[in-house]
Amino acid sequence: MDKICVNIIILNWNNSEDTIACLKSIQYLRDVRYRIILVDNGSNKGEYNTVLQWVNHNFENIQVIEKVSDKEQFNNVKGSEEQGRESITIIRNLENYGFAKGNNIGIRYCLKFWKNDYVLLLNNDTEVEPDSIGKLVNFLEEHPNYQAATPQIRYYKPNDVIWNCGGNINWYKRRVYDYAETKISEVPQEGNKEITFITGCALLFKPVGCGLLSEKFFFGEEDFEFSLRMKKQQKKMACLYSSVIYHKVGRSIEKSSGMKGRVVLFYLNRLINLRNYVNPLFWMVLYTVSLLYAFVLLTVKYRCGIYSSLQAIKSIAIGAVKMNGVNKDMFLKAKAL
């Protein structure tokens, strides 16, 4: 473990309060060597300055890389060799590039200087137990047949209930979380379990072996695509029960869209994604069933009205066939529905 270092990538977008709380919890990590790479994804000036001011008061070694584009190759910067609770690198993106591309900028920075190190993608609305990351790294080091790992993820409030422990992708390509909404007293607190679905909320892996996140999707779906890719390539993933973090679930999602927009985005993302991972006939079955289910969801559960729901279903139906991804403009358009 002496030479192993994990690069912790935290993506911030207009959420200084949670980001600062996450950074505070990381400063208490033990039994692991780490670097912090905070990627600000085009936050407004006030939110960014709040984080920067706190960082300036709480870290000794600070590197700030400003005005980063989505094509940045980091040729004119140096990789900070400082590690631990007193060191941080801030990458400030020119604009909000979305979850996958924003994180990938941080990953590419790490690959430029520390090609063989682990990367931990960590949501900024999480807080970690002091031994959580060290346990994940130890697990992958001791089990080289596994390429990615995630902790037991509990809700921040109430903190005795599980959000998920990873999960599995079933035969009809639906993700099923392990132990979702379960009291921690009913969940193993030691050992591990092989999983086929892993969330981007807390994802430890080596990009050299696993690749980056798919940038086809501005927000959402990137962890599902990552999981499908790992499954297709027969790369094993696990949840480590003794590693624990807490997640303030829904903060980013709540900012993203209303219920109608969320339904459109979910099914549009999912159907476009699955085109690359299932045979065409099965995809048509999933396509038809998804459209019918989404219509029922919109009309019955969310009471959107028949005409409004039909317009939403039409946008999913056409987009799922013709589009290769959901970029920022498409995301904002769907969000406004």
Protein backbone atom coordinates (compact mmCIF):
# COMPACT_ATOMS: atom_id res chain seq x y z
CA MET A 1 0.00 0.00 0.00
CA ASP A 2 2.97 2.37 0.50
CA LYS A 3 3.28 3.26 -3.18
CA ILE A 4 -0.41 3.05 -4.07
CA CYS A 5 -2.25 6.33 -4.44
CA VAL A 6 -5.88 6.99 -5.30
CA ASN A 7 -6.97 10.13 -7.14
CA ILE A 8 -10.28 11.29 -5.67
CA ILE A 9 -12.24 13.22 -8.28
CA ILE A 10 -15.11 15.37 -6.99
CA LEU A 11 -17.35 17.21 -9.45
CA ASN A 12 -18.90 20.44 -8.18
CA TRP A 13 -21.67 22.41 -9.83
CA ASN A 14 -23.30 25.22 -7.83
CA ASN A 15 -23.33 23.20 -4.62
CA SER A 16 -20.66 24.70 -2.40
CA GLU A 17 -22.25 23.58 0.87
CA ASP A 18 -22.21 19.87 0.06
CA THR A 19 -18.82 20.06 -1.66
CA ILE A 20 -17.21 21.61 1.40
CA ALA A 21 -18.79 18.97 3.67
CA CYS A 22 -17.46 16.24 1.35
CA LEU A 23 -13.95 17.72 1.40
CA LYS A 24 -14.05 17.94 5.19
CA SER A 25 -14.85 14.25 5.47
CA ILE A 26 -12.03 13.36 3.06
CA GLN A 27 -9.53 15.19 5.27
CA TYR A 28 -10.15 12.54 7.94
CA LEU A 29 -9.27 9.61 5.67
CA ARG A 30 -6.71 7.18 7.04
CA ASP A 31 -4.80 4.14 5.81
CA VAL A 32 -4.66 5.39 2.23
CA ARG A 33 -2.52 7.74 0.15
CA TYR A 34 -4.65 10.07 -1.95
CA ARG A 35 -4.81 13.19 -4.04
CA ILE A 36 -7.91 15.39 -4.27
CA ILE A 37 -8.91 16.70 -7.68
CA LEU A 38 -11.89 19.03 -7.41
CA VAL A 39 -13.44 19.71 -10.80
CA ASP A 40 -15.69 22.77 -10.81
CA ASN A 41 -18.11 22.26 -13.69
CA GLY A 42 -18.81 25.89 -14.59
CA SER A 43 -20.39 26.99 -11.29
CA ASN A 44 -21.49 30.59 -10.94
CA LYS A 45 -18.90 32.97 -9.54
CA GLY A 46 -20.39 33.14 -6.06
CA GLU A 47 -20.58 29.38 -5.57
CA TYR A 48 -17.09 28.85 -6.95
CA ASN A 49 -15.59 31.59 -4.77
CA THR A 50 -17.24 30.12 -1.67
CA VAL A 51 -15.48 26.79 -2.29
CA LEU A 52 -12.20 28.48 -3.23
CA GLN A 53 -12.22 30.63 -0.08
CA TRP A 54 -12.80 27.57 2.11
CA VAL A 55 -10.03 25.66 0.31
CA ASN A 56 -7.61 28.56 0.80
CA HIS A 57 -8.23 28.42 4.55
CA ASN A 58 -8.00 24.66 4.90
CA PHE A 59 -5.30 23.44 2.51
CA GLU A 60 -1.58 24.23 2.42
CA ASN A 61 -0.79 23.13 -1.14
CA ILE A 62 -3.27 24.38 -3.72
CA GLN A 63 -3.04 24.18 -7.49
CA VAL A 64 -5.74 25.93 -9.53
CA ILE A 65 -6.12 25.27 -13.26
CA GLU A 66 -8.46 27.87 -14.75
CA LYS A 67 -10.59 28.08 -17.92
CA VAL A 68 -10.41 24.41 -18.83
CA SER A 69 -12.12 23.38 -22.07
CA ASP A 70 -13.50 19.95 -22.83
CA LYS A 71 -10.51 19.41 -25.16
CA GLU A 72 -7.86 20.27 -22.55
CA GLN A 73 -4.79 18.03 -22.70
CA PHE A 74 -2.99 19.57 -19.69
CA ASN A 75 0.21 20.09 -21.65
CA ASN A 76 1.07 23.36 -19.93
CA VAL A 77 0.50 22.35 -16.32
CA LYS A 78 2.31 20.13 -13.86
CA GLY A 79 0.85 17.28 -11.87
CA SER A 80 0.99 18.02 -8.16
CA GLU A 81 3.09 15.46 -6.30
CA GLU A 82 1.70 16.62 -2.96
CA GLN A 83 -0.68 14.17 -1.31
CA GLY A 84 -3.03 13.93 1.64
CA ARG A 85 -5.26 16.24 3.61
CA GLU A 86 -3.21 19.40 2.97
CA SER A 87 -3.11 19.20 -0.83
CA ILE A 88 -5.73 19.81 -3.51
CA THR A 89 -5.92 20.52 -7.24
CA ILE A 90 -8.86 22.55 -8.52
CA ILE A 91 -9.78 22.33 -12.19
CA ARG A 92 -12.24 25.04 -13.20
CA ASN A 93 -14.13 24.16 -16.37
CA LEU A 94 -15.21 26.90 -18.73
CA GLU A 95 -18.82 25.72 -18.56
CA ASN A 96 -21.05 22.93 -17.29
CA TYR A 97 -20.03 19.96 -19.44
CA GLY A 98 -22.33 17.50 -17.69
CA PHE A 99 -21.49 14.64 -15.35
CA ALA A 100 -19.53 12.32 -17.64
CA LYS A 101 -17.49 14.91 -19.52
CA GLY A 102 -16.83 16.91 -16.34
CA ASN A 103 -15.48 13.82 -14.56
CA ASN A 104 -13.54 12.74 -17.64
CA ILE A 105 -11.64 16.02 -17.59
CA GLY A 106 -10.48 15.12 -14.09
CA ILE A 107 -9.66 11.56 -15.19
CA ARG A 108 -7.63 12.80 -18.18
CA TYR A 109 -5.67 15.07 -15.84
CA CYS A 110 -4.85 12.03 -13.68
CA LEU A 111 -3.92 9.89 -16.68
CA LYS A 112 -1.54 12.59 -17.88
CA PHE A 113 0.60 12.34 -14.74
CA TRP A 114 -0.35 9.15 -12.86
CA LYS A 115 -1.40 6.70 -15.52
CA ASN A 116 -1.48 3.59 -13.33
CA ASP A 117 -3.11 5.04 -10.22
CA TYR A 118 -6.62 4.33 -9.05
CA VAL A 119 -9.36 6.88 -9.64
CA LEU A 120 -12.29 7.30 -7.27
CA LEU A 121 -15.29 9.14 -8.68
CA LEU A 122 -17.04 10.58 -5.65
CA ASN A 123 -20.25 12.61 -5.69
CA ASN A 124 -19.89 15.96 -4.01
CA ASP A 125 -23.06 15.25 -1.99
CA THR A 126 -21.42 12.35 -0.16
CA GLU A 127 -19.46 12.07 3.06
CA VAL A 128 -17.03 9.22 3.72
CA GLU A 129 -16.04 7.16 6.73
CA PRO A 130 -12.30 7.57 7.54
CA ASP A 131 -11.41 3.98 6.58
CA SER A 132 -13.79 3.64 3.60
CA ILE A 133 -11.45 4.45 0.71
CA GLY A 134 -8.49 2.54 2.11
CA LYS A 135 -10.65 -0.58 2.37
CA LEU A 136 -11.75 -0.26 -1.26
CA VAL A 137 -8.17 0.12 -2.48
CA ASN A 138 -7.02 -2.83 -0.36
CA PHE A 139 -9.81 -4.96 -1.75
CA LEU A 140 -8.86 -4.34 -5.40
CA GLU A 141 -5.19 -4.87 -4.61
CA GLU A 142 -5.93 -8.18 -2.92
CA HIS A 143 -8.43 -9.31 -5.57
CA PRO A 144 -6.83 -8.59 -8.97
CA ASN A 145 -9.65 -10.43 -10.73
CA TYR A 146 -11.89 -7.46 -9.86
CA GLN A 147 -11.53 -4.20 -11.80
CA ALA A 148 -13.97 -1.88 -10.00
CA ALA A 149 -15.44 -1.54 -6.52
CA THR A 150 -18.02 0.48 -4.65
CA PRO A 151 -18.79 0.86 -0.92
CA GLN A 152 -21.96 0.27 1.03
CA ILE A 153 -23.81 3.52 0.33
CA ARG A 154 -26.13 4.69 3.09
CA TYR A 155 -28.50 7.61 3.05
CA TYR A 156 -27.12 10.67 4.80
CA LYS A 157 -30.49 11.02 6.52
CA PRO A 158 -31.59 8.64 7.92
CA ASN A 159 -28.08 7.22 8.11
CA ASP A 160 -29.19 3.76 9.19
CA VAL A 161 -30.88 3.00 5.86
CA ILE A 162 -29.14 1.74 2.70
CA TRP A 163 -29.37 3.64 -0.58
CA ASN A 164 -27.66 0.78 -2.39
CA CYS A 165 -24.82 -1.72 -2.31
CA GLY A 166 -24.35 -1.76 -6.03
CA GLY A 167 -26.71 -4.09 -7.84
CA ASN A 168 -27.29 -6.16 -10.91
CA ILE A 169 -28.51 -5.74 -14.47
CA ASN A 170 -31.18 -8.37 -15.08
CA TRP A 171 -32.04 -10.20 -18.30
CA TYR A 172 -34.34 -7.47 -19.58
CA LYS A 173 -31.68 -4.82 -18.86
CA ARG A 174 -33.17 -3.26 -15.77
CA ARG A 175 -30.88 -2.32 -12.91
CA VAL A 176 -31.84 -3.77 -9.55
CA TYR A 177 -30.15 -2.24 -6.50
CA ASP A 178 -28.93 -4.53 -3.71
CA TYR A 179 -30.40 -3.83 -0.25
CA ALA A 180 -32.13 -0.61 -1.39
CA GLU A 181 -34.19 0.98 1.41
CA THR A 182 -33.01 -1.71 3.85
CA LYS A 183 -32.05 -1.06 7.47
CA ILE A 184 -28.33 -1.55 8.05
CA SER A 185 -29.08 -4.18 10.70
CA GLU A 186 -30.28 -6.43 7.86
CA VAL A 187 -27.19 -5.93 5.68
CA PRO A 188 -23.82 -7.71 5.92
CA GLN A 189 -21.17 -5.43 7.40
CA GLU A 190 -18.23 -7.57 6.32
CA GLY A 191 -17.28 -9.35 3.15
CA ASN A 192 -18.13 -8.49 -0.43
CA LYS A 193 -20.46 -9.40 -3.27
CA GLU A 194 -19.92 -9.51 -7.00
CA ILE A 195 -22.20 -7.04 -8.79
CA THR A 196 -22.96 -6.15 -12.40
CA PHE A 197 -24.27 -2.63 -11.76
CA ILE A 198 -22.19 0.06 -10.10
CA THR A 199 -23.19 3.64 -9.45
CA GLY A 200 -21.06 6.65 -10.39
CA CYS A 201 -21.71 8.05 -6.91
CA ALA A 202 -18.67 6.21 -5.53
CA LEU A 203 -16.72 4.26 -8.13
CA LEU A 204 -13.14 3.07 -7.70
CA PHE A 205 -11.32 1.77 -10.78
CA LYS A 206 -8.27 2.18 -12.99
CA PRO A 207 -9.14 4.08 -16.20
CA VAL A 208 -6.27 2.40 -18.06
CA GLY A 209 -8.08 -0.92 -17.79
CA CYS A 210 -11.71 0.15 -17.69
CA GLY A 211 -11.85 3.27 -19.87
CA LEU A 212 -13.52 6.61 -19.21
CA LEU A 213 -17.20 7.44 -18.83
CA SER A 214 -19.32 7.63 -21.97
CA GLU A 215 -19.82 11.24 -23.04
CA LYS A 216 -22.90 10.44 -25.11
CA PHE A 217 -25.07 11.54 -22.20
CA PHE A 218 -24.98 15.00 -20.62
CA PHE A 219 -26.51 13.86 -17.33
CA GLY A 220 -27.44 10.36 -16.23
CA GLU A 221 -26.88 6.93 -17.80
CA GLU A 222 -23.08 7.06 -17.70
CA ASP A 223 -22.84 4.58 -14.81
CA PHE A 224 -25.29 2.22 -16.52
CA GLU A 225 -23.21 2.35 -19.70
CA PHE A 226 -20.04 1.75 -17.66
CA SER A 227 -21.69 -1.30 -16.04
CA LEU A 228 -22.91 -2.68 -19.37
CA ARG A 229 -19.41 -2.25 -20.79
CA MET A 230 -17.77 -4.02 -17.85
CA LYS A 231 -20.27 -6.87 -18.12
CA LYS A 232 -19.75 -7.21 -21.87
CA GLN A 233 -15.97 -7.28 -21.37
CA GLN A 234 -16.35 -9.78 -18.51
CA LYS A 235 -14.66 -7.45 -16.04
CA LYS A 236 -15.72 -8.12 -12.50
CA MET A 237 -17.00 -5.51 -10.03
CA ALA A 238 -17.82 -5.76 -6.35
CA CYS A 239 -19.45 -4.03 -3.42
CA LEU A 240 -17.37 -4.05 -0.26
CA TYR A 241 -19.74 -4.05 2.72
CA SER A 242 -17.22 -2.86 5.31
CA SER A 243 -16.56 0.34 3.35
CA VAL A 244 -19.24 2.91 4.18
CA ILE A 245 -20.17 6.30 2.76
CA TYR A 246 -23.26 8.50 3.12
CA HIS A 247 -25.16 10.04 0.21
CA LYS A 248 -27.49 13.05 0.23
CA VAL A 249 -29.54 11.40 -2.50
CA GLY A 250 -31.28 13.51 -5.09
CA ARG A 251 -29.55 16.90 -4.74
CA SER A 252 -28.36 17.00 -8.37
CA ILE A 253 -31.45 15.28 -9.74
CA GLU A 254 -33.76 17.76 -8.04
CA LYS A 255 -31.99 20.59 -9.86
CA SER A 256 -32.23 18.89 -13.21
CA SER A 257 -35.84 18.70 -14.27
CA GLY A 258 -39.49 18.20 -13.42
CA MET A 259 -41.10 14.76 -13.41
CA LYS A 260 -42.13 14.87 -17.06
CA GLY A 261 -38.64 15.87 -18.13
CA ARG A 262 -37.13 13.19 -15.91
CA VAL A 263 -39.25 10.46 -17.51
CA VAL A 264 -38.32 11.63 -21.02
CA LEU A 265 -34.64 11.83 -20.20
CA PHE A 266 -34.55 8.46 -18.47
CA TYR A 267 -36.13 6.49 -21.30
CA LEU A 268 -34.36 8.45 -24.03
CA ASN A 269 -30.97 7.87 -22.42
CA ARG A 270 -31.68 4.22 -21.68
CA LEU A 271 -33.00 3.27 -25.11
CA ILE A 272 -30.13 5.01 -26.92
CA ASN A 273 -27.65 3.30 -24.62
CA LEU A 274 -29.14 -0.17 -25.05
CA ARG A 275 -28.94 0.01 -28.84
CA ASN A 276 -25.22 -0.71 -28.45
CA TYR A 277 -25.61 -3.63 -26.05
CA VAL A 278 -28.56 -5.77 -27.16
CA ASN A 279 -29.54 -7.32 -30.47
CA PRO A 280 -31.91 -5.29 -32.70
CA LEU A 281 -34.93 -7.56 -32.21
CA PHE A 282 -34.67 -7.48 -28.42
CA TRP A 283 -34.11 -3.72 -28.56
CA MET A 284 -37.40 -3.31 -30.46
CA VAL A 285 -39.19 -5.26 -27.74
CA LEU A 286 -37.62 -3.06 -25.03
CA TYR A 287 -38.43 0.04 -27.11
CA THR A 288 -42.12 -0.85 -27.41
CA VAL A 289 -42.56 -1.86 -23.78
CA SER A 290 -40.69 1.25 -22.56
CA LEU A 291 -42.88 3.61 -24.58
CA LEU A 292 -46.06 1.99 -23.28
CA TYR A 293 -44.83 2.02 -19.70
CA ALA A 294 -43.66 5.64 -19.92
CA PHE A 295 -47.09 6.66 -21.23
CA VAL A 296 -48.84 4.96 -18.31
CA LEU A 297 -46.35 6.52 -15.91
CA LEU A 298 -46.98 10.02 -17.23
CA THR A 299 -50.77 9.79 -17.47
CA VAL A 300 -51.60 7.76 -14.38
CA LYS A 301 -48.87 8.42 -11.83
CA TYR A 302 -47.89 11.98 -12.74
CA ARG A 303 -51.25 13.07 -14.24
CA CYS A 304 -49.65 14.92 -17.14
CA GLY A 305 -52.68 14.70 -19.42
CA ILE A 306 -53.08 12.52 -22.49
CA TYR A 307 -52.02 15.07 -25.11
CA SER A 308 -49.01 16.23 -23.10
CA SER A 309 -47.99 12.64 -22.43
CA LEU A 310 -48.31 11.70 -26.10
CA GLN A 311 -46.02 14.58 -27.05
CA ALA A 312 -43.47 13.38 -24.52
CA ILE A 313 -43.70 9.78 -25.79
CA LYS A 314 -43.27 11.03 -29.35
CA SER A 315 -40.03 12.78 -28.42
CA ILE A 316 -38.73 9.57 -26.81
CA ALA A 317 -39.83 7.40 -29.75
CA ILE A 318 -38.16 9.56 -32.40
CA GLY A 319 -35.06 10.39 -30.39
CA ALA A 320 -34.38 6.79 -29.37
CA VAL A 321 -34.21 5.77 -33.03
CA LYS A 322 -32.44 8.76 -34.56
CA MET A 323 -30.11 10.08 -31.85
CA ASN A 324 -26.73 8.71 -30.77
CA GLY A 325 -26.74 10.51 -27.44
CA VAL A 326 -28.30 13.28 -25.39
CA ASN A 327 -26.12 16.37 -25.44
CA LYS A 328 -26.51 19.51 -23.35
CA ASP A 329 -28.95 21.23 -25.71
CA MET A 330 -31.14 18.14 -25.93
CA PHE A 331 -30.98 17.71 -22.16
CA LEU A 332 -32.13 21.28 -21.54
CA LYS A 333 -34.91 20.91 -24.08
CA ALA A 334 -36.19 17.74 -22.40
CA LYS A 335 -35.79 19.33 -18.99
CA ALA A 336 -38.16 22.13 -20.04
CA LEU A 337 -41.00 19.73 -20.94
